[in-house]
Amino acid sequence: MDYRKASLGQLYYISRQTKEKEYAQEAQKELNRRDYMLPIVIHRQRKHEAERAIADLQKRGFEVIFPLTEFKRDGKRYDRDNRNRPVFSENTFSSVWMAKLRKVDY
């Protein structure tokens, strides 16, 4: 079986349910290899929390793919009046800090 074409679910099933050790070990190796390929995305409300999370992951062997960036969203909140019509109430604002990291193979 070509493990590079198998889905993650198939590989997980093979690694857990197969009686033949060779197939199970090969499937587990492919799963581990793919874990290195999947990026980790950091989402934090505060910048210093995101920087701390990135520093912790870099100590564990991760590298930054996408730098720490702030994403902002604006919105409006509406209330209902006594005739059930929308009436503008307030502007809302939210921001999130995001970064993307991946495991480095040595």
PDB file of N, CA and C in Angstrom:
ATOM      1  N   MET A   1       0.840  -1.188   0.000  1.00  0.00           N
ATOM      2  CA  MET A   1       0.000   0.000   0.000  1.00  0.00           C
ATOM      3  C   MET A   1       0.878   1.243   0.000  1.00  0.00           C
ATOM      4  N   ASP A   2       0.497   2.237  -0.792  1.00  0.00           N
ATOM      5  CA  ASP A   2       1.235   3.491  -0.836  1.00  0.00           C
ATOM      6  C   ASP A   2       0.707   4.407   0.266  1.00  0.00           C
ATOM      7  N   TYR A   3       1.497   4.569   1.315  1.00  0.00           N
ATOM      8  CA  TYR A   3       1.044   5.330   2.479  1.00  0.00           C
ATOM      9  C   TYR A   3       1.001   6.828   2.226  1.00  0.00           C
ATOM     10  N   ARG A   4       1.719   7.302   1.215  1.00  0.00           N
ATOM     11  CA  ARG A   4       1.692   8.738   0.933  1.00  0.00           C
ATOM     12  C   ARG A   4       0.365   9.185   0.336  1.00  0.00           C
ATOM     13  N   LYS A   5      -0.385   8.266  -0.250  1.00  0.00           N
ATOM     14  CA  LYS A   5      -1.676   8.605  -0.845  1.00  0.00           C
ATOM     15  C   LYS A   5      -2.837   8.346   0.113  1.00  0.00           C
ATOM     16  N   ALA A   6      -2.576   7.683   1.223  1.00  0.00           N
ATOM     17  CA  ALA A   6      -3.636   7.366   2.168  1.00  0.00           C
ATOM     18  C   ALA A   6      -4.016   8.593   2.988  1.00  0.00           C
ATOM     19  N   SER A   7      -5.276   8.650   3.391  1.00  0.00           N
ATOM     20  CA  SER A   7      -5.716   9.760   4.228  1.00  0.00           C
ATOM     21  C   SER A   7      -5.237   9.539   5.662  1.00  0.00           C
ATOM     22  N   LEU A   8      -5.322  10.585   6.478  1.00  0.00           N
ATOM     23  CA  LEU A   8      -4.903  10.466   7.874  1.00  0.00           C
ATOM     24  C   LEU A   8      -5.760   9.450   8.624  1.00  0.00           C
ATOM     25  N   GLY A   9      -7.046   9.406   8.319  1.00  0.00           N
ATOM     26  CA  GLY A   9      -7.934   8.444   8.971  1.00  0.00           C
ATOM     27  C   GLY A   9      -7.552   7.010   8.627  1.00  0.00           C
ATOM     28  N   GLN A  10      -7.233   6.762   7.371  1.00  0.00           N
ATOM     29  CA  GLN A  10      -6.816   5.428   6.958  1.00  0.00           C
ATOM     30  C   GLN A  10      -5.517   5.037   7.646  1.00  0.00           C
ATOM     31  N   LEU A  11      -4.561   5.963   7.698  1.00  0.00           N
ATOM     32  CA  LEU A  11      -3.289   5.666   8.352  1.00  0.00           C
ATOM     33  C   LEU A  11      -3.493   5.375   9.836  1.00  0.00           C
ATOM     34  N   TYR A  12      -4.348   6.158  10.492  1.00  0.00           N
ATOM     35  CA  TYR A  12      -4.601   5.942  11.915  1.00  0.00           C
ATOM     36  C   TYR A  12      -5.232   4.573  12.129  1.00  0.00           C
ATOM     37  N   TYR A  13      -6.198   4.196  11.273  1.00  0.00           N
ATOM     38  CA  TYR A  13      -6.844   2.889  11.391  1.00  0.00           C
ATOM     39  C   TYR A  13      -5.830   1.776  11.184  1.00  0.00           C
ATOM     40  N   ILE A  14      -4.980   1.909  10.175  1.00  0.00           N
ATOM     41  CA  ILE A  14      -3.976   0.880   9.899  1.00  0.00           C
ATOM     42  C   ILE A  14      -3.013   0.749  11.069  1.00  0.00           C
ATOM     43  N   SER A  15      -2.579   1.890  11.620  1.00  0.00           N
ATOM     44  CA  SER A  15      -1.594   1.829  12.698  1.00  0.00           C
ATOM     45  C   SER A  15      -2.180   1.249  13.975  1.00  0.00           C
ATOM     46  N   ARG A  16      -3.493   1.347  14.168  1.00  0.00           N
ATOM     47  CA  ARG A  16      -4.113   0.857  15.407  1.00  0.00           C
ATOM     48  C   ARG A  16      -4.720  -0.539  15.286  1.00  0.00           C
ATOM     49  N   GLN A  17      -5.284  -0.857  14.101  1.00  0.00           N
ATOM     50  CA  GLN A  17      -6.079  -2.069  13.973  1.00  0.00           C
ATOM     51  C   GLN A  17      -5.388  -3.224  13.252  1.00  0.00           C
ATOM     52  N   THR A  18      -4.319  -2.952  12.544  1.00  0.00           N
ATOM     53  CA  THR A  18      -3.680  -3.987  11.747  1.00  0.00           C
ATOM     54  C   THR A  18      -2.894  -4.940  12.631  1.00  0.00           C
ATOM     55  N   LYS A  19      -3.030  -6.220  12.344  1.00  0.00           N
ATOM     56  CA  LYS A  19      -2.318  -7.246  13.111  1.00  0.00           C
ATOM     57  C   LYS A  19      -0.876  -7.382  12.650  1.00  0.00           C
ATOM     58  N   GLU A  20      -0.626  -7.076  11.381  1.00  0.00           N
ATOM     59  CA  GLU A  20       0.727  -7.205  10.857  1.00  0.00           C
ATOM     60  C   GLU A  20       1.561  -6.017  11.312  1.00  0.00           C
ATOM     61  N   LYS A  21       2.631  -6.305  11.983  1.00  0.00           N
ATOM     62  CA  LYS A  21       3.441  -5.244  12.585  1.00  0.00           C
ATOM     63  C   LYS A  21       4.113  -4.361  11.547  1.00  0.00           C
ATOM     64  N   GLU A  22       4.513  -4.942  10.419  1.00  0.00           N
ATOM     65  CA  GLU A  22       5.203  -4.145   9.400  1.00  0.00           C
ATOM     66  C   GLU A  22       4.311  -3.009   8.902  1.00  0.00           C
ATOM     67  N   TYR A  23       3.072  -3.350   8.549  1.00  0.00           N
ATOM     68  CA  TYR A  23       2.160  -2.338   8.039  1.00  0.00           C
ATOM     69  C   TYR A  23       1.844  -1.305   9.112  1.00  0.00           C
ATOM     70  N   ALA A  24       1.661  -1.750  10.328  1.00  0.00           N
ATOM     71  CA  ALA A  24       1.340  -0.830  11.420  1.00  0.00           C
ATOM     72  C   ALA A  24       2.495   0.127  11.683  1.00  0.00           C
ATOM     73  N   GLN A  25       3.712  -0.379  11.661  1.00  0.00           N
ATOM     74  CA  GLN A  25       4.873   0.485  11.910  1.00  0.00           C
ATOM     75  C   GLN A  25       5.079   1.490  10.778  1.00  0.00           C
ATOM     76  N   GLU A  26       4.903   1.041   9.534  1.00  0.00           N
ATOM     77  CA  GLU A  26       5.048   1.953   8.404  1.00  0.00           C
ATOM     78  C   GLU A  26       3.977   3.034   8.431  1.00  0.00           C
ATOM     79  N   ALA A  27       2.756   2.660   8.780  1.00  0.00           N
ATOM     80  CA  ALA A  27       1.676   3.646   8.860  1.00  0.00           C
ATOM     81  C   ALA A  27       1.943   4.648   9.979  1.00  0.00           C
ATOM     82  N   GLN A  28       2.461   4.181  11.111  1.00  0.00           N
ATOM     83  CA  GLN A  28       2.768   5.082  12.220  1.00  0.00           C
ATOM     84  C   GLN A  28       3.899   6.043  11.851  1.00  0.00           C
ATOM     85  N   LYS A  29       4.903   5.558  11.126  1.00  0.00           N
ATOM     86  CA  LYS A  29       5.985   6.435  10.672  1.00  0.00           C
ATOM     87  C   LYS A  29       5.455   7.526   9.748  1.00  0.00           C
ATOM     88  N   GLU A  30       4.540   7.154   8.854  1.00  0.00           N
ATOM     89  CA  GLU A  30       3.960   8.136   7.940  1.00  0.00           C
ATOM     90  C   GLU A  30       3.120   9.154   8.708  1.00  0.00           C
ATOM     91  N   LEU A  31       2.397   8.704   9.719  1.00  0.00           N
ATOM     92  CA  LEU A  31       1.633   9.636  10.550  1.00  0.00           C
ATOM     93  C   LEU A  31       2.553  10.623  11.250  1.00  0.00           C
ATOM     94  N   ASN A  32       3.650  10.130  11.800  1.00  0.00           N
ATOM     95  CA  ASN A  32       4.600  11.002  12.484  1.00  0.00           C
ATOM     96  C   ASN A  32       5.227  11.994  11.512  1.00  0.00           C
ATOM     97  N   ARG A  33       5.524  11.540  10.294  1.00  0.00           N
ATOM     98  CA  ARG A  33       6.107  12.418   9.293  1.00  0.00           C
ATOM     99  C   ARG A  33       5.125  13.527   8.921  1.00  0.00           C
ATOM    100  N   ARG A  34       3.867  13.185   8.806  1.00  0.00           N
ATOM    101  CA  ARG A  34       2.863  14.189   8.450  1.00  0.00           C
ATOM    102  C   ARG A  34       2.625  15.177   9.582  1.00  0.00           C
ATOM    103  N   ASP A  35       2.815  14.758  10.825  1.00  0.00           N
ATOM    104  CA  ASP A  35       2.658  15.677  11.948  1.00  0.00           C
ATOM    105  C   ASP A  35       3.649  16.825  11.837  1.00  0.00           C
ATOM    106  N   TYR A  36       4.846  16.564  11.310  1.00  0.00           N
ATOM    107  CA  TYR A  36       5.830  17.620  11.138  1.00  0.00           C
ATOM    108  C   TYR A  36       5.406  18.592  10.047  1.00  0.00           C
ATOM    109  N   MET A  37       4.657  18.094   9.088  1.00  0.00           N
ATOM    110  CA  MET A  37       4.255  18.931   7.966  1.00  0.00           C
ATOM    111  C   MET A  37       3.112  19.872   8.322  1.00  0.00           C
ATOM    112  N   LEU A  38       2.257  19.491   9.273  1.00  0.00           N
ATOM    113  CA  LEU A  38       1.101  20.309   9.610  1.00  0.00           C
ATOM    114  C   LEU A  38       1.531  21.524  10.420  1.00  0.00           C
ATOM    115  N   PRO A  39       1.150  22.710  10.012  1.00  0.00           N
ATOM    116  CA  PRO A  39       1.538  23.905  10.769  1.00  0.00           C
ATOM    117  C   PRO A  39       0.692  24.070  12.021  1.00  0.00           C
ATOM    118  N   ILE A  40       1.238  24.777  12.989  1.00  0.00           N
ATOM    119  CA  ILE A  40       0.528  25.109  14.214  1.00  0.00           C
ATOM    120  C   ILE A  40       0.204  26.592  14.158  1.00  0.00           C
ATOM    121  N   VAL A  41      -1.054  26.920  14.401  1.00  0.00           N
ATOM    122  CA  VAL A  41      -1.490  28.310  14.357  1.00  0.00           C
ATOM    123  C   VAL A  41      -1.744  28.780  15.779  1.00  0.00           C
ATOM    124  N   ILE A  42      -1.144  29.906  16.128  1.00  0.00           N
ATOM    125  CA  ILE A  42      -1.302  30.519  17.447  1.00  0.00           C
ATOM    126  C   ILE A  42      -2.334  31.633  17.339  1.00  0.00           C
ATOM    127  N   HIS A  43      -3.381  31.591  18.169  1.00  0.00           N
ATOM    128  CA  HIS A  43      -4.392  32.652  18.253  1.00  0.00           C
ATOM    129  C   HIS A  43      -4.377  33.178  19.683  1.00  0.00           C
ATOM    130  N   ARG A  44      -4.143  34.455  19.859  1.00  0.00           N
ATOM    131  CA  ARG A  44      -4.169  35.053  21.204  1.00  0.00           C
ATOM    132  C   ARG A  44      -4.790  36.450  21.130  1.00  0.00           C
ATOM    133  N   GLN A  45      -5.454  36.849  22.207  1.00  0.00           N
ATOM    134  CA  GLN A  45      -6.041  38.186  22.282  1.00  0.00           C
ATOM    135  C   GLN A  45      -4.981  39.248  22.582  1.00  0.00           C
ATOM    136  N   ARG A  46      -3.993  38.894  23.370  1.00  0.00           N
ATOM    137  CA  ARG A  46      -2.967  39.846  23.786  1.00  0.00           C
ATOM    138  C   ARG A  46      -1.639  39.535  23.088  1.00  0.00           C
ATOM    139  N   LYS A  47      -0.927  40.588  22.721  1.00  0.00           N
ATOM    140  CA  LYS A  47       0.319  40.411  21.982  1.00  0.00           C
ATOM    141  C   LYS A  47       1.379  39.716  22.831  1.00  0.00           C
ATOM    142  N   HIS A  48       1.499  40.077  24.107  1.00  0.00           N
ATOM    143  CA  HIS A  48       2.539  39.474  24.939  1.00  0.00           C
ATOM    144  C   HIS A  48       2.278  37.986  25.183  1.00  0.00           C
ATOM    145  N   GLU A  49       1.002  37.584  25.207  1.00  0.00           N
ATOM    146  CA  GLU A  49       0.684  36.157  25.329  1.00  0.00           C
ATOM    147  C   GLU A  49       1.114  35.395  24.080  1.00  0.00           C
ATOM    148  N   ALA A  50       0.884  35.982  22.917  1.00  0.00           N
ATOM    149  CA  ALA A  50       1.277  35.340  21.662  1.00  0.00           C
ATOM    150  C   ALA A  50       2.794  35.232  21.554  1.00  0.00           C
ATOM    151  N   GLU A  51       3.491  36.304  21.957  1.00  0.00           N
ATOM    152  CA  GLU A  51       4.962  36.264  21.911  1.00  0.00           C
ATOM    153  C   GLU A  51       5.508  35.194  22.845  1.00  0.00           C
ATOM    154  N   ARG A  52       4.902  35.037  24.009  1.00  0.00           N
ATOM    155  CA  ARG A  52       5.341  34.009  24.955  1.00  0.00           C
ATOM    156  C   ARG A  52       5.094  32.604  24.403  1.00  0.00           C
ATOM    157  N   ALA A  53       3.940  32.409  23.768  1.00  0.00           N
ATOM    158  CA  ALA A  53       3.634  31.103  23.174  1.00  0.00           C
ATOM    159  C   ALA A  53       4.604  30.770  22.041  1.00  0.00           C
ATOM    160  N   ILE A  54       4.931  31.760  21.229  1.00  0.00           N
ATOM    161  CA  ILE A  54       5.875  31.536  20.127  1.00  0.00           C
ATOM    162  C   ILE A  54       7.259  31.205  20.670  1.00  0.00           C
ATOM    163  N   ALA A  55       7.688  31.930  21.700  1.00  0.00           N
ATOM    164  CA  ALA A  55       9.009  31.667  22.291  1.00  0.00           C
ATOM    165  C   ALA A  55       9.073  30.253  22.869  1.00  0.00           C
ATOM    166  N   ASP A  56       7.996  29.809  23.526  1.00  0.00           N
ATOM    167  CA  ASP A  56       7.965  28.453  24.080  1.00  0.00           C
ATOM    168  C   ASP A  56       8.067  27.402  22.976  1.00  0.00           C
ATOM    169  N   LEU A  57       7.351  27.615  21.875  1.00  0.00           N
ATOM    170  CA  LEU A  57       7.403  26.642  20.787  1.00  0.00           C
ATOM    171  C   LEU A  57       8.745  26.663  20.070  1.00  0.00           C
ATOM    172  N   GLN A  58       9.364  27.816  19.962  1.00  0.00           N
ATOM    173  CA  GLN A  58      10.680  27.880  19.325  1.00  0.00           C
ATOM    174  C   GLN A  58      11.724  27.132  20.157  1.00  0.00           C
ATOM    175  N   LYS A  59      11.587  27.120  21.465  1.00  0.00           N
ATOM    176  CA  LYS A  59      12.494  26.347  22.309  1.00  0.00           C
ATOM    177  C   LYS A  59      12.329  24.851  22.066  1.00  0.00           C
ATOM    178  N   ARG A  60      11.126  24.447  21.632  1.00  0.00           N
ATOM    179  CA  ARG A  60      10.851  23.023  21.363  1.00  0.00           C
ATOM    180  C   ARG A  60      11.161  22.612  19.938  1.00  0.00           C
ATOM    181  N   GLY A  61      11.737  23.517  19.142  1.00  0.00           N
ATOM    182  CA  GLY A  61      12.162  23.141  17.796  1.00  0.00           C
ATOM    183  C   GLY A  61      11.216  23.553  16.686  1.00  0.00           C
ATOM    184  N   PHE A  62      10.405  24.566  16.892  1.00  0.00           N
ATOM    185  CA  PHE A  62       9.514  25.051  15.846  1.00  0.00           C
ATOM    186  C   PHE A  62      10.106  26.309  15.226  1.00  0.00           C
ATOM    187  N   GLU A  63       9.737  26.566  13.966  1.00  0.00           N
ATOM    188  CA  GLU A  63      10.160  27.791  13.302  1.00  0.00           C
ATOM    189  C   GLU A  63       8.917  28.549  12.844  1.00  0.00           C
ATOM    190  N   VAL A  64       9.041  29.865  12.756  1.00  0.00           N
ATOM    191  CA  VAL A  64       7.922  30.720  12.370  1.00  0.00           C
ATOM    192  C   VAL A  64       7.796  30.724  10.852  1.00  0.00           C
ATOM    193  N   ILE A  65       6.615  30.372  10.362  1.00  0.00           N
ATOM    194  CA  ILE A  65       6.325  30.413   8.926  1.00  0.00           C
ATOM    195  C   ILE A  65       5.672  31.751   8.580  1.00  0.00           C
ATOM    196  N   PHE A  66       4.692  32.145   9.385  1.00  0.00           N
ATOM    197  CA  PHE A  66       3.947  33.390   9.185  1.00  0.00           C
ATOM    198  C   PHE A  66       4.139  34.236  10.436  1.00  0.00           C
ATOM    199  N   PRO A  67       4.662  35.449  10.313  1.00  0.00           N
ATOM    200  CA  PRO A  67       5.002  36.243  11.504  1.00  0.00           C
ATOM    201  C   PRO A  67       3.769  36.665  12.300  1.00  0.00           C
ATOM    202  N   LEU A  68       4.011  37.077  13.518  1.00  0.00           N
ATOM    203  CA  LEU A  68       2.949  37.532  14.407  1.00  0.00           C
ATOM    204  C   LEU A  68       2.284  38.772  13.816  1.00  0.00           C
ATOM    205  N   THR A  69       0.976  38.670  13.582  1.00  0.00           N
ATOM    206  CA  THR A  69       0.232  39.737  12.919  1.00  0.00           C
ATOM    207  C   THR A  69      -1.081  39.971  13.656  1.00  0.00           C
ATOM    208  N   GLU A  70      -1.503  41.213  13.720  1.00  0.00           N
ATOM    209  CA  GLU A  70      -2.777  41.551  14.354  1.00  0.00           C
ATOM    210  C   GLU A  70      -3.862  41.638  13.289  1.00  0.00           C
ATOM    211  N   PHE A  71      -4.971  40.934  13.517  1.00  0.00           N
ATOM    212  CA  PHE A  71      -6.130  40.996  12.640  1.00  0.00           C
ATOM    213  C   PHE A  71      -7.250  41.694  13.400  1.00  0.00           C
ATOM    214  N   LYS A  72      -7.823  42.725  12.776  1.00  0.00           N
ATOM    215  CA  LYS A  72      -8.854  43.528  13.428  1.00  0.00           C
ATOM    216  C   LYS A  72     -10.188  43.326  12.729  1.00  0.00           C
ATOM    217  N   ARG A  73     -11.252  43.404  13.543  1.00  0.00           N
ATOM    218  CA  ARG A  73     -12.606  43.335  13.005  1.00  0.00           C
ATOM    219  C   ARG A  73     -13.451  44.447  13.608  1.00  0.00           C
ATOM    220  N   ASP A  74     -14.228  45.081  12.773  1.00  0.00           N
ATOM    221  CA  ASP A  74     -15.191  46.075  13.237  1.00  0.00           C
ATOM    222  C   ASP A  74     -16.588  45.534  12.990  1.00  0.00           C
ATOM    223  N   GLY A  75     -17.503  45.985  13.800  1.00  0.00           N
ATOM    224  CA  GLY A  75     -18.870  45.557  13.609  1.00  0.00           C
ATOM    225  C   GLY A  75     -19.821  46.548  14.255  1.00  0.00           C
ATOM    226  N   LYS A  76     -21.096  46.312  14.065  1.00  0.00           N
ATOM    227  CA  LYS A  76     -22.116  47.160  14.655  1.00  0.00           C
ATOM    228  C   LYS A  76     -23.090  46.282  15.426  1.00  0.00           C
ATOM    229  N   ARG A  77     -23.586  46.806  16.521  1.00  0.00           N
ATOM    230  CA  ARG A  77     -24.567  46.090  17.329  1.00  0.00           C
ATOM    231  C   ARG A  77     -25.892  46.840  17.240  1.00  0.00           C
ATOM    232  N   TYR A  78     -26.954  46.096  17.032  1.00  0.00           N
ATOM    233  CA  TYR A  78     -28.279  46.680  16.904  1.00  0.00           C
ATOM    234  C   TYR A  78     -29.177  46.161  18.013  1.00  0.00           C
ATOM    235  N   ASP A  79     -30.051  47.034  18.500  1.00  0.00           N
ATOM    236  CA  ASP A  79     -31.109  46.654  19.433  1.00  0.00           C
ATOM    237  C   ASP A  79     -32.437  46.765  18.702  1.00  0.00           C
ATOM    238  N   ARG A  80     -33.480  46.310  19.338  1.00  0.00           N
ATOM    239  CA  ARG A  80     -34.825  46.403  18.755  1.00  0.00           C
ATOM    240  C   ARG A  80     -35.637  47.459  19.510  1.00  0.00           C
ATOM    241  N   ASP A  81     -36.386  48.248  18.766  1.00  0.00           N
ATOM    242  CA  ASP A  81     -37.250  49.224  19.426  1.00  0.00           C
ATOM    243  C   ASP A  81     -38.597  48.572  19.745  1.00  0.00           C
ATOM    244  N   ASN A  82     -39.566  49.375  20.212  1.00  0.00           N
ATOM    245  CA  ASN A  82     -40.849  48.795  20.631  1.00  0.00           C
ATOM    246  C   ASN A  82     -41.677  48.282  19.454  1.00  0.00           C
ATOM    247  N   ARG A  83     -41.295  48.634  18.230  1.00  0.00           N
ATOM    248  CA  ARG A  83     -41.981  48.095  17.054  1.00  0.00           C
ATOM    249  C   ARG A  83     -41.162  46.987  16.385  1.00  0.00           C
ATOM    250  N   ASN A  84     -40.179  46.507  17.085  1.00  0.00           N
ATOM    251  CA  ASN A  84     -39.333  45.392  16.648  1.00  0.00           C
ATOM    252  C   ASN A  84     -38.494  45.745  15.411  1.00  0.00           C
ATOM    253  N   ARG A  85     -38.127  47.014  15.278  1.00  0.00           N
ATOM    254  CA  ARG A  85     -37.256  47.441  14.190  1.00  0.00           C
ATOM    255  C   ARG A  85     -35.830  47.539  14.725  1.00  0.00           C
ATOM    256  N   PRO A  86     -34.831  47.225  13.882  1.00  0.00           N
ATOM    257  CA  PRO A  86     -33.442  47.354  14.356  1.00  0.00           C
ATOM    258  C   PRO A  86     -33.047  48.822  14.505  1.00  0.00           C
ATOM    259  N   VAL A  87     -32.433  49.127  15.648  1.00  0.00           N
ATOM    260  CA  VAL A  87     -31.949  50.471  15.931  1.00  0.00           C
ATOM    261  C   VAL A  87     -30.483  50.349  16.305  1.00  0.00           C
ATOM    262  N   PHE A  88     -29.637  51.173  15.663  1.00  0.00           N
ATOM    263  CA  PHE A  88     -28.199  51.120  15.930  1.00  0.00           C
ATOM    264  C   PHE A  88     -27.927  51.388  17.408  1.00  0.00           C
ATOM    265  N   SER A  89     -27.078  50.547  18.007  1.00  0.00           N
ATOM    266  CA  SER A  89     -26.760  50.695  19.418  1.00  0.00           C
ATOM    267  C   SER A  89     -25.318  51.149  19.621  1.00  0.00           C
ATOM    268  N   GLU A  90     -24.350  50.404  19.039  1.00  0.00           N
ATOM    269  CA  GLU A  90     -22.941  50.750  19.256  1.00  0.00           C
ATOM    270  C   GLU A  90     -22.050  50.097  18.211  1.00  0.00           C
ATOM    271  N   ASN A  91     -20.847  50.621  18.080  1.00  0.00           N
ATOM    272  CA  ASN A  91     -19.814  49.998  17.260  1.00  0.00           C
ATOM    273  C   ASN A  91     -19.054  49.004  18.123  1.00  0.00           C
ATOM    274  N   THR A  92     -18.681  47.888  17.550  1.00  0.00           N
ATOM    275  CA  THR A  92     -17.880  46.896  18.273  1.00  0.00           C
ATOM    276  C   THR A  92     -16.542  46.747  17.574  1.00  0.00           C
ATOM    277  N   PHE A  93     -15.531  46.412  18.342  1.00  0.00           N
ATOM    278  CA  PHE A  93     -14.181  46.260  17.816  1.00  0.00           C
ATOM    279  C   PHE A  93     -13.544  45.050  18.485  1.00  0.00           C
ATOM    280  N   SER A  94     -12.870  44.230  17.701  1.00  0.00           N
ATOM    281  CA  SER A  94     -12.138  43.099  18.270  1.00  0.00           C
ATOM    282  C   SER A  94     -10.868  42.886  17.447  1.00  0.00           C
ATOM    283  N   SER A  95      -9.857  42.362  18.111  1.00  0.00           N
ATOM    284  CA  SER A  95      -8.614  42.054  17.407  1.00  0.00           C
ATOM    285  C   SER A  95      -8.049  40.755  17.950  1.00  0.00           C
ATOM    286  N   VAL A  96      -7.289  40.080  17.114  1.00  0.00           N
ATOM    287  CA  VAL A  96      -6.648  38.833  17.503  1.00  0.00           C
ATOM    288  C   VAL A  96      -5.244  38.816  16.900  1.00  0.00           C
ATOM    289  N   TRP A  97      -4.290  38.278  17.644  1.00  0.00           N
ATOM    290  CA  TRP A  97      -2.907  38.132  17.180  1.00  0.00           C
ATOM    291  C   TRP A  97      -2.718  36.696  16.721  1.00  0.00           C
ATOM    292  N   MET A  98      -2.193  36.529  15.515  1.00  0.00           N
ATOM    293  CA  MET A  98      -2.016  35.192  14.948  1.00  0.00           C
ATOM    294  C   MET A  98      -0.609  35.024  14.399  1.00  0.00           C
ATOM    295  N   ALA A  99      -0.107  33.787  14.514  1.00  0.00           N
ATOM    296  CA  ALA A  99       1.174  33.398  13.917  1.00  0.00           C
ATOM    297  C   ALA A  99       1.085  31.929  13.543  1.00  0.00           C
ATOM    298  N   LYS A 100       1.906  31.521  12.591  1.00  0.00           N
ATOM    299  CA  LYS A 100       1.919  30.134  12.142  1.00  0.00           C
ATOM    300  C   LYS A 100       3.333  29.587  12.275  1.00  0.00           C
ATOM    301  N   LEU A 101       3.451  28.379  12.878  1.00  0.00           N
ATOM    302  CA  LEU A 101       4.752  27.750  13.083  1.00  0.00           C
ATOM    303  C   LEU A 101       4.713  26.318  12.575  1.00  0.00           C
ATOM    304  N   ARG A 102       5.902  25.769  12.321  1.00  0.00           N
ATOM    305  CA  ARG A 102       5.985  24.357  11.948  1.00  0.00           C
ATOM    306  C   ARG A 102       7.203  23.746  12.608  1.00  0.00           C
ATOM    307  N   LYS A 103       7.162  22.431  12.772  1.00  0.00           N
ATOM    308  CA  LYS A 103       8.248  21.686  13.400  1.00  0.00           C
ATOM    309  C   LYS A 103       9.407  21.573  12.418  1.00  0.00           C
ATOM    310  N   VAL A 104      10.625  21.763  12.924  1.00  0.00           N
ATOM    311  CA  VAL A 104      11.814  21.695  12.093  1.00  0.00           C
ATOM    312  C   VAL A 104      12.391  20.283  12.197  1.00  0.00           C
ATOM    313  N   ASP A 105      12.681  19.666  11.061  1.00  0.00           N
ATOM    314  CA  ASP A 105      13.341  18.347  11.050  1.00  0.00           C
ATOM    315  C   ASP A 105      14.844  18.549  11.142  1.00  0.00           C
ATOM    316  N   TYR A 106      15.446  17.812  12.039  1.00  0.00           N
ATOM    317  CA  TYR A 106      16.902  17.878  12.163  1.00  0.00           C
ATOM    318  C   TYR A 106      17.536  16.622  11.634  1.00  0.00           C
TER     319      TYR A 106
END
